[in-house]
Amino acid sequence: MLPNDINMLVSFLNTKLRDDDMSLEHLLEINDINLNEFMTRLDRNGYFFDENNNQIKAK
Protein backbone atom coordinates (compact mmCIF):
# COMPACT_ATOMS: atom_id res chain seq x y z
CA MET A 1 0.00 0.00 0.00
CA LEU A 2 1.27 3.45 -0.93
CA PRO A 3 1.52 6.32 1.56
CA ASN A 4 -1.34 8.86 1.47
CA ASP A 5 0.83 11.76 2.65
CA ILE A 6 2.19 13.53 -0.45
CA ASN A 7 5.67 14.01 1.03
CA MET A 8 5.97 10.35 1.99
CA LEU A 9 4.59 9.32 -1.40
CA VAL A 10 7.12 11.49 -3.26
CA SER A 11 9.95 10.05 -1.18
CA PHE A 12 8.76 6.49 -1.78
CA LEU A 13 8.33 6.99 -5.53
CA ASN A 14 11.67 8.76 -5.94
CA THR A 15 13.38 5.88 -4.16
CA LYS A 16 11.70 3.38 -6.48
CA LEU A 17 12.52 5.48 -9.56
CA ARG A 18 16.17 5.64 -8.53
CA ASP A 19 16.73 2.15 -7.15
CA ASP A 20 14.61 0.17 -9.60
CA ASP A 21 15.50 2.29 -12.64
CA MET A 22 11.99 2.42 -14.07
CA SER A 23 9.89 5.09 -15.71
CA LEU A 24 7.31 7.06 -13.77
CA GLU A 25 4.62 5.78 -16.14
CA HIS A 26 5.51 2.17 -15.42
CA LEU A 27 5.79 2.74 -11.69
CA LEU A 28 2.36 4.38 -11.57
CA GLU A 29 0.85 1.67 -13.77
CA ILE A 30 2.01 -1.19 -11.55
CA ASN A 31 0.64 0.69 -8.52
CA ASP A 32 -2.69 1.36 -10.28
CA ILE A 33 -2.30 5.16 -10.22
CA ASN A 34 -3.67 7.31 -13.05
CA LEU A 35 -0.86 9.39 -14.56
CA ASN A 36 -2.95 12.51 -15.23
CA GLU A 37 -4.51 12.49 -11.77
CA PHE A 38 -1.10 11.99 -10.20
CA MET A 39 0.48 14.86 -12.14
CA THR A 40 -2.40 17.12 -11.05
CA ARG A 41 -1.87 16.05 -7.43
CA LEU A 42 1.85 16.79 -7.70
CA ASP A 43 1.17 20.24 -9.11
CA ARG A 44 -1.41 21.08 -6.43
CA ASN A 45 1.12 20.15 -3.76
CA GLY A 46 4.07 22.07 -5.18
CA TYR A 47 5.86 19.27 -7.01
CA PHE A 48 6.71 18.45 -10.61
CA PHE A 49 8.29 15.53 -12.43
CA ASP A 50 11.74 16.23 -13.88
CA GLU A 51 11.96 13.90 -16.88
CA ASN A 52 15.67 14.55 -17.45
CA ASN A 53 16.54 13.28 -13.97
CA ASN A 54 13.62 10.82 -13.64
CA GLN A 55 12.79 12.45 -10.31
CA ILE A 56 9.91 14.22 -8.60
CA LYS A 57 11.04 17.61 -7.32
CA ALA A 58 9.62 20.56 -5.40
CA LYS A 59 8.82 23.64 -7.48
PDB file of N, CA and C in Angstrom:
ATOM      1  N   MET A   1       0.843  -1.180   0.000  1.00  0.00           N
ATOM      2  CA  MET A   1       0.000   0.000   0.000  1.00  0.00           C
ATOM      3  C   MET A   1       0.893   1.249   0.000  1.00  0.00           C
ATOM      4  N   LEU A   2       0.498   2.224  -0.803  1.00  0.00           N
ATOM      5  CA  LEU A   2       1.275   3.453  -0.926  1.00  0.00           C
ATOM      6  C   LEU A   2       0.884   4.459   0.149  1.00  0.00           C
ATOM      7  N   PRO A   3       1.829   5.287   0.567  1.00  0.00           N
ATOM      8  CA  PRO A   3       1.516   6.323   1.565  1.00  0.00           C
ATOM      9  C   PRO A   3       0.512   7.334   1.013  1.00  0.00           C
ATOM     10  N   ASN A   4      -0.375   7.829   1.863  1.00  0.00           N
ATOM     11  CA  ASN A   4      -1.339   8.864   1.468  1.00  0.00           C
ATOM     12  C   ASN A   4      -0.725  10.254   1.543  1.00  0.00           C
ATOM     13  N   ASP A   5       0.176  10.465   2.489  1.00  0.00           N
ATOM     14  CA  ASP A   5       0.828  11.758   2.648  1.00  0.00           C
ATOM     15  C   ASP A   5       1.683  12.043   1.418  1.00  0.00           C
ATOM     16  N   ILE A   6       1.496  13.209   0.803  1.00  0.00           N
ATOM     17  CA  ILE A   6       2.188  13.533  -0.448  1.00  0.00           C
ATOM     18  C   ILE A   6       3.704  13.519  -0.290  1.00  0.00           C
ATOM     19  N   ASN A   7       4.221  13.989   0.822  1.00  0.00           N
ATOM     20  CA  ASN A   7       5.672  14.010   1.028  1.00  0.00           C
ATOM     21  C   ASN A   7       6.244  12.597   1.149  1.00  0.00           C
ATOM     22  N   MET A   8       5.543  11.747   1.858  1.00  0.00           N
ATOM     23  CA  MET A   8       5.971  10.350   1.991  1.00  0.00           C
ATOM     24  C   MET A   8       5.858   9.633   0.646  1.00  0.00           C
ATOM     25  N   LEU A   9       4.790   9.929  -0.093  1.00  0.00           N
ATOM     26  CA  LEU A   9       4.590   9.315  -1.400  1.00  0.00           C
ATOM     27  C   LEU A   9       5.705   9.720  -2.365  1.00  0.00           C
ATOM     28  N   VAL A  10       6.043  11.005  -2.392  1.00  0.00           N
ATOM     29  CA  VAL A  10       7.119  11.488  -3.262  1.00  0.00           C
ATOM     30  C   VAL A  10       8.436  10.804  -2.896  1.00  0.00           C
ATOM     31  N   SER A  11       8.728  10.708  -1.624  1.00  0.00           N
ATOM     32  CA  SER A  11       9.955  10.054  -1.177  1.00  0.00           C
ATOM     33  C   SER A  11       9.981   8.587  -1.612  1.00  0.00           C
ATOM     34  N   PHE A  12       8.873   7.903  -1.400  1.00  0.00           N
ATOM     35  CA  PHE A  12       8.762   6.492  -1.782  1.00  0.00           C
ATOM     36  C   PHE A  12       8.964   6.317  -3.282  1.00  0.00           C
ATOM     37  N   LEU A  13       8.245   7.128  -4.077  1.00  0.00           N
ATOM     38  CA  LEU A  13       8.330   6.991  -5.530  1.00  0.00           C
ATOM     39  C   LEU A  13       9.715   7.356  -6.050  1.00  0.00           C
ATOM     40  N   ASN A  14      10.325   8.394  -5.508  1.00  0.00           N
ATOM     41  CA  ASN A  14      11.674   8.758  -5.941  1.00  0.00           C
ATOM     42  C   ASN A  14      12.678   7.649  -5.634  1.00  0.00           C
ATOM     43  N   THR A  15      12.508   7.003  -4.506  1.00  0.00           N
ATOM     44  CA  THR A  15      13.382   5.881  -4.159  1.00  0.00           C
ATOM     45  C   THR A  15      13.215   4.751  -5.163  1.00  0.00           C
ATOM     46  N   LYS A  16      11.966   4.438  -5.504  1.00  0.00           N
ATOM     47  CA  LYS A  16      11.699   3.378  -6.483  1.00  0.00           C
ATOM     48  C   LYS A  16      12.236   3.761  -7.861  1.00  0.00           C
ATOM     49  N   LEU A  17      12.033   5.020  -8.254  1.00  0.00           N
ATOM     50  CA  LEU A  17      12.524   5.476  -9.558  1.00  0.00           C
ATOM     51  C   LEU A  17      14.037   5.343  -9.643  1.00  0.00           C
ATOM     52  N   ARG A  18      14.710   5.693  -8.562  1.00  0.00           N
ATOM     53  CA  ARG A  18      16.174   5.639  -8.534  1.00  0.00           C
ATOM     54  C   ARG A  18      16.677   4.194  -8.426  1.00  0.00           C
ATOM     55  N   ASP A  19      16.189   3.471  -7.446  1.00  0.00           N
ATOM     56  CA  ASP A  19      16.733   2.146  -7.154  1.00  0.00           C
ATOM     57  C   ASP A  19      16.321   1.079  -8.158  1.00  0.00           C
ATOM     58  N   ASP A  20      15.109   1.196  -8.679  1.00  0.00           N
ATOM     59  CA  ASP A  20      14.607   0.171  -9.599  1.00  0.00           C
ATOM     60  C   ASP A  20      14.746   0.576 -11.060  1.00  0.00           C
ATOM     61  N   ASP A  21      15.238   1.791 -11.293  1.00  0.00           N
ATOM     62  CA  ASP A  21      15.502   2.292 -12.644  1.00  0.00           C
ATOM     63  C   ASP A  21      14.328   2.045 -13.593  1.00  0.00           C
ATOM     64  N   MET A  22      13.157   2.563 -13.208  1.00  0.00           N
ATOM     65  CA  MET A  22      11.990   2.422 -14.071  1.00  0.00           C
ATOM     66  C   MET A  22      11.392   3.787 -14.360  1.00  0.00           C
ATOM     67  N   SER A  23      10.537   3.831 -15.346  1.00  0.00           N
ATOM     68  CA  SER A  23       9.892   5.094 -15.705  1.00  0.00           C
ATOM     69  C   SER A  23       8.764   5.392 -14.724  1.00  0.00           C
ATOM     70  N   LEU A  24       8.427   6.669 -14.625  1.00  0.00           N
ATOM     71  CA  LEU A  24       7.308   7.063 -13.774  1.00  0.00           C
ATOM     72  C   LEU A  24       6.025   6.407 -14.265  1.00  0.00           C
ATOM     73  N   GLU A  25       5.824   6.376 -15.574  1.00  0.00           N
ATOM     74  CA  GLU A  25       4.616   5.778 -16.140  1.00  0.00           C
ATOM     75  C   GLU A  25       4.468   4.326 -15.713  1.00  0.00           C
ATOM     76  N   HIS A  26       5.560   3.579 -15.804  1.00  0.00           N
ATOM     77  CA  HIS A  26       5.512   2.166 -15.421  1.00  0.00           C
ATOM     78  C   HIS A  26       5.270   2.008 -13.924  1.00  0.00           C
ATOM     79  N   LEU A  27       5.948   2.800 -13.136  1.00  0.00           N
ATOM     80  CA  LEU A  27       5.787   2.737 -11.685  1.00  0.00           C
ATOM     81  C   LEU A  27       4.347   3.035 -11.276  1.00  0.00           C
ATOM     82  N   LEU A  28       3.751   4.050 -11.882  1.00  0.00           N
ATOM     83  CA  LEU A  28       2.361   4.378 -11.572  1.00  0.00           C
ATOM     84  C   LEU A  28       1.428   3.272 -12.046  1.00  0.00           C
ATOM     85  N   GLU A  29       1.698   2.736 -13.217  1.00  0.00           N
ATOM     86  CA  GLU A  29       0.852   1.674 -13.767  1.00  0.00           C
ATOM     87  C   GLU A  29       0.825   0.455 -12.854  1.00  0.00           C
ATOM     88  N   ILE A  30       1.983   0.013 -12.392  1.00  0.00           N
ATOM     89  CA  ILE A  30       2.009  -1.191 -11.549  1.00  0.00           C
ATOM     90  C   ILE A  30       1.403  -0.936 -10.170  1.00  0.00           C
ATOM     91  N   ASN A  31       1.278   0.342  -9.796  1.00  0.00           N
ATOM     92  CA  ASN A  31       0.638   0.686  -8.525  1.00  0.00           C
ATOM     93  C   ASN A  31      -0.789   1.189  -8.723  1.00  0.00           C
ATOM     94  N   ASP A  32      -1.312   1.014  -9.943  1.00  0.00           N
ATOM     95  CA  ASP A  32      -2.691   1.359 -10.283  1.00  0.00           C
ATOM     96  C   ASP A  32      -3.016   2.823  -9.974  1.00  0.00           C
ATOM     97  N   ILE A  33      -2.116   3.722 -10.408  1.00  0.00           N
ATOM     98  CA  ILE A  33      -2.299   5.161 -10.220  1.00  0.00           C
ATOM     99  C   ILE A  33      -2.417   5.802 -11.595  1.00  0.00           C
ATOM    100  N   ASN A  34      -3.457   6.603 -11.787  1.00  0.00           N
ATOM    101  CA  ASN A  34      -3.673   7.308 -13.046  1.00  0.00           C
ATOM    102  C   ASN A  34      -2.634   8.415 -13.196  1.00  0.00           C
ATOM    103  N   LEU A  35      -1.932   8.426 -14.320  1.00  0.00           N
ATOM    104  CA  LEU A  35      -0.856   9.386 -14.557  1.00  0.00           C
ATOM    105  C   LEU A  35      -1.354  10.823 -14.502  1.00  0.00           C
ATOM    106  N   ASN A  36      -2.439  11.131 -15.204  1.00  0.00           N
ATOM    107  CA  ASN A  36      -2.947  12.509 -15.233  1.00  0.00           C
ATOM    108  C   ASN A  36      -3.387  12.984 -13.858  1.00  0.00           C
ATOM    109  N   GLU A  37      -4.074  12.132 -13.121  1.00  0.00           N
ATOM    110  CA  GLU A  37      -4.508  12.493 -11.767  1.00  0.00           C
ATOM    111  C   GLU A  37      -3.299  12.703 -10.857  1.00  0.00           C
ATOM    112  N   PHE A  38      -2.293  11.866 -11.020  1.00  0.00           N
ATOM    113  CA  PHE A  38      -1.098  11.986 -10.198  1.00  0.00           C
ATOM    114  C   PHE A  38      -0.354  13.283 -10.492  1.00  0.00           C
ATOM    115  N   MET A  39      -0.215  13.619 -11.774  1.00  0.00           N
ATOM    116  CA  MET A  39       0.478  14.856 -12.143  1.00  0.00           C
ATOM    117  C   MET A  39      -0.269  16.074 -11.605  1.00  0.00           C
ATOM    118  N   THR A  40      -1.588  16.037 -11.617  1.00  0.00           N
ATOM    119  CA  THR A  40      -2.396  17.120 -11.046  1.00  0.00           C
ATOM    120  C   THR A  40      -2.156  17.210  -9.549  1.00  0.00           C
ATOM    121  N   ARG A  41      -2.117  16.067  -8.884  1.00  0.00           N
ATOM    122  CA  ARG A  41      -1.867  16.051  -7.433  1.00  0.00           C
ATOM    123  C   ARG A  41      -0.486  16.615  -7.112  1.00  0.00           C
ATOM    124  N   LEU A  42       0.506  16.239  -7.907  1.00  0.00           N
ATOM    125  CA  LEU A  42       1.850  16.791  -7.701  1.00  0.00           C
ATOM    126  C   LEU A  42       1.821  18.307  -7.806  1.00  0.00           C
ATOM    127  N   ASP A  43       1.216  18.802  -8.867  1.00  0.00           N
ATOM    128  CA  ASP A  43       1.166  20.243  -9.114  1.00  0.00           C
ATOM    129  C   ASP A  43       0.465  20.981  -7.975  1.00  0.00           C
ATOM    130  N   ARG A  44      -0.652  20.447  -7.520  1.00  0.00           N
ATOM    131  CA  ARG A  44      -1.410  21.079  -6.428  1.00  0.00           C
ATOM    132  C   ARG A  44      -0.609  21.136  -5.133  1.00  0.00           C
ATOM    133  N   ASN A  45       0.330  20.224  -4.994  1.00  0.00           N
ATOM    134  CA  ASN A  45       1.118  20.151  -3.759  1.00  0.00           C
ATOM    135  C   ASN A  45       2.536  20.693  -3.915  1.00  0.00           C
ATOM    136  N   GLY A  46       2.782  21.406  -5.013  1.00  0.00           N
ATOM    137  CA  GLY A  46       4.068  22.074  -5.179  1.00  0.00           C
ATOM    138  C   GLY A  46       5.194  21.214  -5.708  1.00  0.00           C
ATOM    139  N   TYR A  47       4.855  20.156  -6.433  1.00  0.00           N
ATOM    140  CA  TYR A  47       5.860  19.267  -7.011  1.00  0.00           C
ATOM    141  C   TYR A  47       5.707  19.201  -8.520  1.00  0.00           C
ATOM    142  N   PHE A  48       6.761  18.735  -9.181  1.00  0.00           N
ATOM    143  CA  PHE A  48       6.707  18.446 -10.608  1.00  0.00           C
ATOM    144  C   PHE A  48       7.631  17.269 -10.889  1.00  0.00           C
ATOM    145  N   PHE A  49       7.436  16.643 -12.042  1.00  0.00           N
ATOM    146  CA  PHE A  49       8.294  15.530 -12.429  1.00  0.00           C
ATOM    147  C   PHE A  49       9.343  16.023 -13.404  1.00  0.00           C
ATOM    148  N   ASP A  50      10.609  15.858 -13.045  1.00  0.00           N
ATOM    149  CA  ASP A  50      11.742  16.233 -13.885  1.00  0.00           C
ATOM    150  C   ASP A  50      12.120  15.018 -14.735  1.00  0.00           C
ATOM    151  N   GLU A  51      11.720  15.038 -15.997  1.00  0.00           N
ATOM    152  CA  GLU A  51      11.965  13.897 -16.883  1.00  0.00           C
ATOM    153  C   GLU A  51      13.450  13.651 -17.119  1.00  0.00           C
ATOM    154  N   ASN A  52      14.238  14.713 -17.186  1.00  0.00           N
ATOM    155  CA  ASN A  52      15.674  14.554 -17.448  1.00  0.00           C
ATOM    156  C   ASN A  52      16.380  13.785 -16.341  1.00  0.00           C
ATOM    157  N   ASN A  53      15.919  13.959 -15.108  1.00  0.00           N
ATOM    158  CA  ASN A  53      16.537  13.276 -13.965  1.00  0.00           C
ATOM    159  C   ASN A  53      15.697  12.121 -13.436  1.00  0.00           C
ATOM    160  N   ASN A  54      14.533  11.886 -14.072  1.00  0.00           N
ATOM    161  CA  ASN A  54      13.618  10.825 -13.641  1.00  0.00           C
ATOM    162  C   ASN A  54      13.341  10.936 -12.140  1.00  0.00           C
ATOM    163  N   GLN A  55      12.959  12.162 -11.731  1.00  0.00           N
ATOM    164  CA  GLN A  55      12.793  12.452 -10.309  1.00  0.00           C
ATOM    165  C   GLN A  55      11.663  13.455 -10.090  1.00  0.00           C
ATOM    166  N   ILE A  56      10.924  13.260  -9.020  1.00  0.00           N
ATOM    167  CA  ILE A  56       9.906  14.216  -8.595  1.00  0.00           C
ATOM    168  C   ILE A  56      10.604  15.247  -7.724  1.00  0.00           C
ATOM    169  N   LYS A  57      10.365  16.528  -8.034  1.00  0.00           N
ATOM    170  CA  LYS A  57      11.039  17.609  -7.316  1.00  0.00           C
ATOM    171  C   LYS A  57      10.036  18.659  -6.868  1.00  0.00           C
ATOM    172  N   ALA A  58      10.423  19.417  -5.849  1.00  0.00           N
ATOM    173  CA  ALA A  58       9.621  20.559  -5.405  1.00  0.00           C
ATOM    174  C   ALA A  58       9.809  21.698  -6.390  1.00  0.00           C
ATOM    175  N   LYS A  59       8.743  22.474  -6.576  1.00  0.00           N
ATOM    176  CA  LYS A  59       8.821  23.639  -7.478  1.00  0.00           C
ATOM    177  C   LYS A  59       9.676  24.714  -6.866  1.00  0.00           C
TER     178      LYS A  59
END
